[in-house]
Amino acid sequence: QVQLVESGGGSVQAGDSLRLSCVASGRTFSRMVTAWFRQAPGKEREFVAAITWGGGSAHYADAVKGRFTISEVNAKHTVYLQMNSLKAEDTAVYYCATMTRPQSTVLMPRGYDYWGQGTQVTVSS
């Protein structure tokens, strides 16, 4: 079992920045990939960014490339999502998820075994 706890959400103005944190506990060594997804009201959950264990590689959705950065501090079992130049369309509940079995893609929610409870990000224009 892996437990994930997100924090760092809030209400900001367009153009502002936020940093989300995802702290893992439990069988943290089993994590292969940790990702951020988001879900806006009435929309499906969508991929935002992912990082492989040890920070070997990072992947981003086109909508956030150049604005968001995912990083990991292994000693703290923490993955961060630095979000800059926020837009109103970034408003959503942001979820941290971790994959513990090899999958063909990091983009699909069904490939992830453990999820956090989510943190709300609201961006006003």
N, C-alpha and C. Protein backbone atom coordinates (compact mmCIF):
# COMPACT_ATOMS: atom_id res chain seq x y z
N GLN A 1 0.84 -1.20 0.00
CA GLN A 1 0.00 0.00 0.00
C GLN A 1 0.86 1.24 0.00
N VAL A 2 0.41 2.22 -0.75
CA VAL A 2 1.06 3.53 -0.78
C VAL A 2 -0.01 4.57 -0.47
N GLN A 3 0.27 5.46 0.43
CA GLN A 3 -0.63 6.56 0.73
C GLN A 3 -0.04 7.84 0.15
N LEU A 4 -0.91 8.64 -0.45
CA LEU A 4 -0.50 9.90 -1.08
C LEU A 4 -1.32 11.04 -0.50
N VAL A 5 -0.65 12.12 -0.13
CA VAL A 5 -1.33 13.29 0.41
C VAL A 5 -0.86 14.52 -0.35
N GLU A 6 -1.81 15.20 -0.99
CA GLU A 6 -1.50 16.42 -1.73
C GLU A 6 -1.73 17.64 -0.86
N SER A 7 -1.03 18.71 -1.18
CA SER A 7 -1.24 20.00 -0.54
C SER A 7 -0.75 21.09 -1.47
N GLY A 8 -1.09 22.32 -1.13
CA GLY A 8 -0.58 23.46 -1.89
C GLY A 8 -1.57 24.14 -2.80
N GLY A 9 -2.77 23.59 -2.91
CA GLY A 9 -3.76 24.24 -3.74
C GLY A 9 -4.24 25.54 -3.14
N GLY A 10 -5.03 26.28 -3.92
CA GLY A 10 -5.55 27.54 -3.43
C GLY A 10 -6.21 28.33 -4.53
N SER A 11 -6.56 29.57 -4.20
CA SER A 11 -7.19 30.48 -5.17
C SER A 11 -6.21 31.58 -5.50
N VAL A 12 -5.94 31.75 -6.79
CA VAL A 12 -4.98 32.75 -7.25
C VAL A 12 -5.53 33.49 -8.45
N GLN A 13 -4.81 34.52 -8.86
CA GLN A 13 -5.16 35.28 -10.06
C GLN A 13 -4.41 34.71 -11.27
N ALA A 14 -4.95 34.92 -12.44
CA ALA A 14 -4.26 34.51 -13.66
C ALA A 14 -2.87 35.14 -13.71
N GLY A 15 -1.90 34.33 -14.09
CA GLY A 15 -0.52 34.79 -14.14
C GLY A 15 0.28 34.47 -12.89
N ASP A 16 -0.41 34.10 -11.81
CA ASP A 16 0.27 33.75 -10.56
C ASP A 16 0.86 32.35 -10.63
N SER A 17 1.53 31.97 -9.55
CA SER A 17 2.15 30.65 -9.45
C SER A 17 1.67 29.93 -8.21
N LEU A 18 1.71 28.61 -8.26
CA LEU A 18 1.44 27.75 -7.11
C LEU A 18 2.38 26.56 -7.19
N ARG A 19 2.70 25.99 -6.03
CA ARG A 19 3.45 24.74 -6.01
C ARG A 19 2.66 23.70 -5.24
N LEU A 20 2.32 22.62 -5.90
CA LEU A 20 1.63 21.51 -5.26
C LEU A 20 2.66 20.49 -4.78
N SER A 21 2.34 19.85 -3.65
CA SER A 21 3.20 18.81 -3.10
C SER A 21 2.42 17.52 -2.97
N CYS A 22 3.09 16.41 -3.16
CA CYS A 22 2.49 15.08 -2.99
C CYS A 22 3.47 14.26 -2.17
N VAL A 23 3.08 13.95 -0.94
CA VAL A 23 3.94 13.18 -0.04
C VAL A 23 3.46 11.74 0.00
N ALA A 24 4.38 10.82 -0.23
CA ALA A 24 4.05 9.40 -0.22
C ALA A 24 4.51 8.76 1.08
N SER A 25 3.73 7.77 1.53
CA SER A 25 4.11 6.98 2.69
C SER A 25 3.70 5.54 2.44
N GLY A 26 4.19 4.65 3.29
CA GLY A 26 3.91 3.23 3.09
C GLY A 26 5.01 2.59 2.25
N ARG A 27 4.64 1.80 1.25
CA ARG A 27 5.60 1.09 0.41
C ARG A 27 6.13 2.01 -0.69
N THR A 28 6.83 3.03 -0.26
CA THR A 28 7.26 4.06 -1.20
C THR A 28 8.24 3.54 -2.23
N PHE A 29 8.95 2.47 -1.91
CA PHE A 29 9.94 1.93 -2.83
C PHE A 29 9.31 1.30 -4.06
N SER A 30 7.99 1.04 -3.99
CA SER A 30 7.31 0.36 -5.09
C SER A 30 6.87 1.32 -6.20
N ARG A 31 7.08 2.61 -5.97
CA ARG A 31 6.62 3.59 -6.97
C ARG A 31 7.52 3.55 -8.20
N MET A 32 6.92 3.45 -9.36
CA MET A 32 7.68 3.50 -10.61
C MET A 32 7.52 4.85 -11.28
N VAL A 33 6.32 5.36 -11.27
CA VAL A 33 6.00 6.65 -11.87
C VAL A 33 5.03 7.36 -10.94
N THR A 34 5.22 8.64 -10.74
CA THR A 34 4.25 9.47 -10.02
C THR A 34 3.79 10.57 -10.95
N ALA A 35 2.50 10.81 -10.95
CA ALA A 35 1.92 11.76 -11.90
C ALA A 35 0.93 12.68 -11.22
N TRP A 36 0.66 13.76 -11.90
CA TRP A 36 -0.42 14.67 -11.52
C TRP A 36 -1.49 14.61 -12.61
N PHE A 37 -2.72 14.47 -12.17
CA PHE A 37 -3.89 14.57 -13.04
C PHE A 37 -4.74 15.72 -12.51
N ARG A 38 -5.68 16.17 -13.32
CA ARG A 38 -6.62 17.16 -12.86
C ARG A 38 -7.99 16.88 -13.43
N GLN A 39 -8.99 17.37 -12.70
CA GLN A 39 -10.37 17.18 -13.14
C GLN A 39 -11.16 18.43 -12.85
N ALA A 40 -11.66 19.02 -13.91
CA ALA A 40 -12.51 20.20 -13.79
C ALA A 40 -13.97 19.74 -13.74
N PRO A 41 -14.88 20.56 -13.19
CA PRO A 41 -16.29 20.18 -13.11
C PRO A 41 -16.85 19.81 -14.47
N GLY A 42 -17.50 18.66 -14.56
CA GLY A 42 -18.13 18.22 -15.79
C GLY A 42 -17.19 17.67 -16.83
N LYS A 43 -15.91 17.54 -16.48
CA LYS A 43 -14.93 17.04 -17.43
C LYS A 43 -14.26 15.77 -16.90
N GLU A 44 -13.67 15.02 -17.83
CA GLU A 44 -12.95 13.82 -17.43
C GLU A 44 -11.61 14.19 -16.79
N ARG A 45 -11.11 13.26 -16.00
CA ARG A 45 -9.80 13.45 -15.39
C ARG A 45 -8.74 13.42 -16.51
N GLU A 46 -7.84 14.38 -16.48
CA GLU A 46 -6.85 14.47 -17.55
C GLU A 46 -5.43 14.51 -17.00
N PHE A 47 -4.53 13.96 -17.78
CA PHE A 47 -3.12 13.92 -17.44
C PHE A 47 -2.51 15.31 -17.47
N VAL A 48 -1.65 15.58 -16.50
CA VAL A 48 -0.96 16.87 -16.44
C VAL A 48 0.55 16.66 -16.61
N ALA A 49 1.14 15.84 -15.75
CA ALA A 49 2.58 15.62 -15.80
C ALA A 49 2.93 14.34 -15.05
N ALA A 50 4.06 13.73 -15.41
CA ALA A 50 4.52 12.52 -14.72
C ALA A 50 6.03 12.53 -14.65
N ILE A 51 6.55 11.83 -13.64
CA ILE A 51 7.99 11.71 -13.47
C ILE A 51 8.31 10.28 -13.06
N THR A 52 9.36 9.71 -13.67
CA THR A 52 9.74 8.37 -13.30
C THR A 52 10.53 8.38 -11.99
N TRP A 53 10.53 7.26 -11.31
CA TRP A 53 11.22 7.15 -10.02
C TRP A 53 12.68 7.54 -10.20
N GLY A 54 13.16 8.37 -9.29
CA GLY A 54 14.53 8.84 -9.41
C GLY A 54 14.66 10.05 -10.30
N GLY A 55 13.55 10.51 -10.85
CA GLY A 55 13.57 11.70 -11.69
C GLY A 55 14.22 11.51 -13.03
N GLY A 56 14.25 10.27 -13.54
CA GLY A 56 14.93 10.00 -14.80
C GLY A 56 14.32 10.70 -15.98
N SER A 57 13.01 10.78 -16.02
CA SER A 57 12.38 11.46 -17.15
C SER A 57 11.05 12.05 -16.71
N ALA A 58 10.65 13.10 -17.38
CA ALA A 58 9.41 13.79 -17.08
C ALA A 58 8.58 13.92 -18.36
N HIS A 59 7.28 13.90 -18.18
CA HIS A 59 6.36 14.01 -19.31
C HIS A 59 5.31 15.06 -18.96
N TYR A 60 4.88 15.81 -19.96
CA TYR A 60 3.91 16.88 -19.74
C TYR A 60 2.82 16.86 -20.78
N ALA A 61 1.63 17.24 -20.36
CA ALA A 61 0.56 17.49 -21.31
C ALA A 61 0.89 18.76 -22.09
N ASP A 62 0.46 18.80 -23.35
CA ASP A 62 0.74 19.97 -24.18
C ASP A 62 0.23 21.26 -23.56
N ALA A 63 -0.89 21.17 -22.85
CA ALA A 63 -1.52 22.36 -22.29
C ALA A 63 -0.68 23.02 -21.20
N VAL A 64 0.27 22.28 -20.63
CA VAL A 64 1.04 22.84 -19.51
C VAL A 64 2.53 22.94 -19.81
N LYS A 65 2.97 22.44 -20.95
CA LYS A 65 4.39 22.49 -21.29
C LYS A 65 4.90 23.92 -21.28
N GLY A 66 6.05 24.11 -20.66
CA GLY A 66 6.64 25.43 -20.57
C GLY A 66 6.13 26.25 -19.40
N ARG A 67 5.06 25.80 -18.76
CA ARG A 67 4.51 26.54 -17.60
C ARG A 67 4.63 25.74 -16.31
N PHE A 68 4.46 24.43 -16.40
CA PHE A 68 4.50 23.56 -15.22
C PHE A 68 5.79 22.75 -15.22
N THR A 69 6.29 22.47 -14.02
CA THR A 69 7.47 21.63 -13.86
C THR A 69 7.23 20.61 -12.76
N ILE A 70 7.45 19.34 -13.08
CA ILE A 70 7.32 18.28 -12.08
C ILE A 70 8.72 17.90 -11.61
N SER A 71 8.85 17.67 -10.31
CA SER A 71 10.15 17.30 -9.76
C SER A 71 9.93 16.38 -8.56
N GLU A 72 11.01 15.74 -8.13
CA GLU A 72 10.89 14.78 -7.04
C GLU A 72 12.09 14.92 -6.11
N VAL A 73 11.84 14.85 -4.82
CA VAL A 73 12.89 14.75 -3.81
C VAL A 73 12.73 13.40 -3.16
N ASN A 74 13.55 12.45 -3.57
CA ASN A 74 13.37 11.07 -3.12
C ASN A 74 13.51 10.93 -1.61
N ALA A 75 14.44 11.67 -1.04
CA ALA A 75 14.66 11.55 0.40
C ALA A 75 13.44 11.95 1.20
N LYS A 76 12.60 12.78 0.61
CA LYS A 76 11.39 13.23 1.29
C LYS A 76 10.15 12.50 0.78
N HIS A 77 10.34 11.58 -0.17
CA HIS A 77 9.22 10.86 -0.78
C HIS A 77 8.16 11.85 -1.28
N THR A 78 8.62 12.93 -1.85
CA THR A 78 7.73 14.01 -2.24
C THR A 78 7.91 14.35 -3.73
N VAL A 79 6.79 14.53 -4.39
CA VAL A 79 6.78 15.01 -5.78
C VAL A 79 6.10 16.37 -5.79
N TYR A 80 6.70 17.29 -6.51
CA TYR A 80 6.18 18.65 -6.59
C TYR A 80 5.66 18.94 -8.00
N LEU A 81 4.72 19.85 -8.07
CA LEU A 81 4.27 20.39 -9.35
C LEU A 81 4.32 21.91 -9.23
N GLN A 82 5.32 22.51 -9.84
CA GLN A 82 5.43 23.96 -9.86
C GLN A 82 4.62 24.46 -11.04
N MET A 83 3.65 25.31 -10.74
CA MET A 83 2.74 25.82 -11.77
C MET A 83 2.93 27.32 -11.88
N ASN A 84 3.42 27.75 -13.02
CA ASN A 84 3.63 29.18 -13.29
C ASN A 84 2.68 29.65 -14.38
N SER A 85 2.53 30.95 -14.45
CA SER A 85 1.67 31.56 -15.48
C SER A 85 0.32 30.88 -15.55
N LEU A 86 -0.31 30.74 -14.40
CA LEU A 86 -1.59 30.04 -14.33
C LEU A 86 -2.67 30.74 -15.13
N LYS A 87 -3.54 29.94 -15.71
CA LYS A 87 -4.65 30.44 -16.50
C LYS A 87 -5.96 29.96 -15.89
N ALA A 88 -7.04 30.63 -16.25
CA ALA A 88 -8.35 30.24 -15.72
C ALA A 88 -8.66 28.79 -16.07
N GLU A 89 -8.22 28.34 -17.22
CA GLU A 89 -8.50 26.96 -17.64
C GLU A 89 -7.70 25.92 -16.87
N ASP A 90 -6.80 26.35 -16.01
CA ASP A 90 -6.09 25.42 -15.14
C ASP A 90 -6.90 25.09 -13.89
N THR A 91 -8.03 25.77 -13.71
CA THR A 91 -8.87 25.52 -12.55
C THR A 91 -9.38 24.08 -12.55
N ALA A 92 -9.13 23.37 -11.46
CA ALA A 92 -9.51 21.97 -11.36
C ALA A 92 -9.11 21.45 -9.99
N VAL A 93 -9.56 20.25 -9.70
CA VAL A 93 -9.00 19.50 -8.58
C VAL A 93 -7.81 18.72 -9.12
N TYR A 94 -6.68 18.87 -8.45
CA TYR A 94 -5.44 18.21 -8.88
C TYR A 94 -5.18 17.00 -8.00
N TYR A 95 -4.92 15.88 -8.66
CA TYR A 95 -4.70 14.62 -7.96
C TYR A 95 -3.29 14.11 -8.23
N CYS A 96 -2.68 13.58 -7.21
CA CYS A 96 -1.42 12.88 -7.33
C CYS A 96 -1.72 11.38 -7.43
N ALA A 97 -0.96 10.68 -8.25
CA ALA A 97 -1.18 9.24 -8.43
C ALA A 97 0.17 8.56 -8.63
N THR A 98 0.23 7.31 -8.24
CA THR A 98 1.48 6.58 -8.43
C THR A 98 1.22 5.22 -9.06
N MET A 99 2.15 4.85 -9.92
CA MET A 99 2.09 3.60 -10.67
C MET A 99 3.12 2.65 -10.10
N THR A 100 2.71 1.44 -9.78
CA THR A 100 3.64 0.47 -9.19
C THR A 100 3.88 -0.74 -10.07
N ARG A 101 3.26 -0.78 -11.23
CA ARG A 101 3.45 -1.88 -12.20
C ARG A 101 3.73 -1.27 -13.56
N PRO A 102 4.56 -1.91 -14.36
CA PRO A 102 4.88 -1.36 -15.68
C PRO A 102 3.63 -1.21 -16.54
N GLN A 103 3.52 -0.06 -17.19
CA GLN A 103 2.41 0.20 -18.09
C GLN A 103 2.98 0.71 -19.41
N SER A 104 2.18 0.62 -20.47
CA SER A 104 2.65 1.06 -21.79
C SER A 104 2.62 2.57 -21.94
N THR A 105 1.89 3.24 -21.09
CA THR A 105 1.79 4.68 -21.15
C THR A 105 1.64 5.27 -19.76
N VAL A 106 2.09 6.51 -19.59
CA VAL A 106 1.90 7.19 -18.31
C VAL A 106 0.69 8.11 -18.36
N LEU A 107 0.01 8.16 -19.51
CA LEU A 107 -1.02 9.16 -19.73
C LEU A 107 -2.40 8.80 -19.19
N MET A 108 -2.66 7.52 -18.96
CA MET A 108 -4.01 7.08 -18.65
C MET A 108 -4.21 6.86 -17.16
N PRO A 109 -5.29 7.38 -16.59
CA PRO A 109 -5.54 7.19 -15.16
C PRO A 109 -5.60 5.72 -14.75
N ARG A 110 -6.10 4.84 -15.61
CA ARG A 110 -6.28 3.44 -15.23
C ARG A 110 -4.97 2.73 -14.96
N GLY A 111 -3.86 3.31 -15.36
CA GLY A 111 -2.57 2.68 -15.13
C GLY A 111 -2.00 2.93 -13.74
N TYR A 112 -2.66 3.76 -12.97
CA TYR A 112 -2.16 4.16 -11.66
C TYR A 112 -2.89 3.42 -10.55
N ASP A 113 -2.12 2.98 -9.57
CA ASP A 113 -2.67 2.12 -8.53
C ASP A 113 -3.14 2.87 -7.29
N TYR A 114 -2.52 3.98 -6.99
CA TYR A 114 -2.85 4.72 -5.77
C TYR A 114 -3.06 6.20 -6.10
N TRP A 115 -4.02 6.78 -5.39
CA TRP A 115 -4.40 8.16 -5.64
C TRP A 115 -4.50 8.91 -4.33
N GLY A 116 -4.19 10.21 -4.40
CA GLY A 116 -4.45 11.08 -3.26
C GLY A 116 -5.88 11.57 -3.28
N GLN A 117 -6.20 12.40 -2.31
CA GLN A 117 -7.57 12.87 -2.15
C GLN A 117 -7.86 14.09 -3.02
N GLY A 118 -6.83 14.72 -3.54
CA GLY A 118 -7.01 15.88 -4.41
C GLY A 118 -6.87 17.20 -3.67
N THR A 119 -6.45 18.23 -4.41
CA THR A 119 -6.35 19.58 -3.87
C THR A 119 -6.89 20.54 -4.92
N GLN A 120 -7.71 21.48 -4.49
CA GLN A 120 -8.40 22.40 -5.40
C GLN A 120 -7.47 23.54 -5.80
N VAL A 121 -7.43 23.80 -7.10
CA VAL A 121 -6.74 24.97 -7.64
C VAL A 121 -7.77 25.80 -8.40
N THR A 122 -7.91 27.04 -8.01
CA THR A 122 -8.85 27.95 -8.64
C THR A 122 -8.09 29.17 -9.14
N VAL A 123 -8.20 29.45 -10.44
CA VAL A 123 -7.51 30.58 -11.05
C VAL A 123 -8.55 31.54 -11.60
N SER A 124 -8.52 32.76 -11.11
CA SER A 124 -9.47 33.78 -11.55
C SER A 124 -8.83 34.66 -12.61
N SER A 125 -9.59 34.96 -13.63
CA SER A 125 -9.07 35.79 -14.72
C SER A 125 -9.35 37.26 -14.47
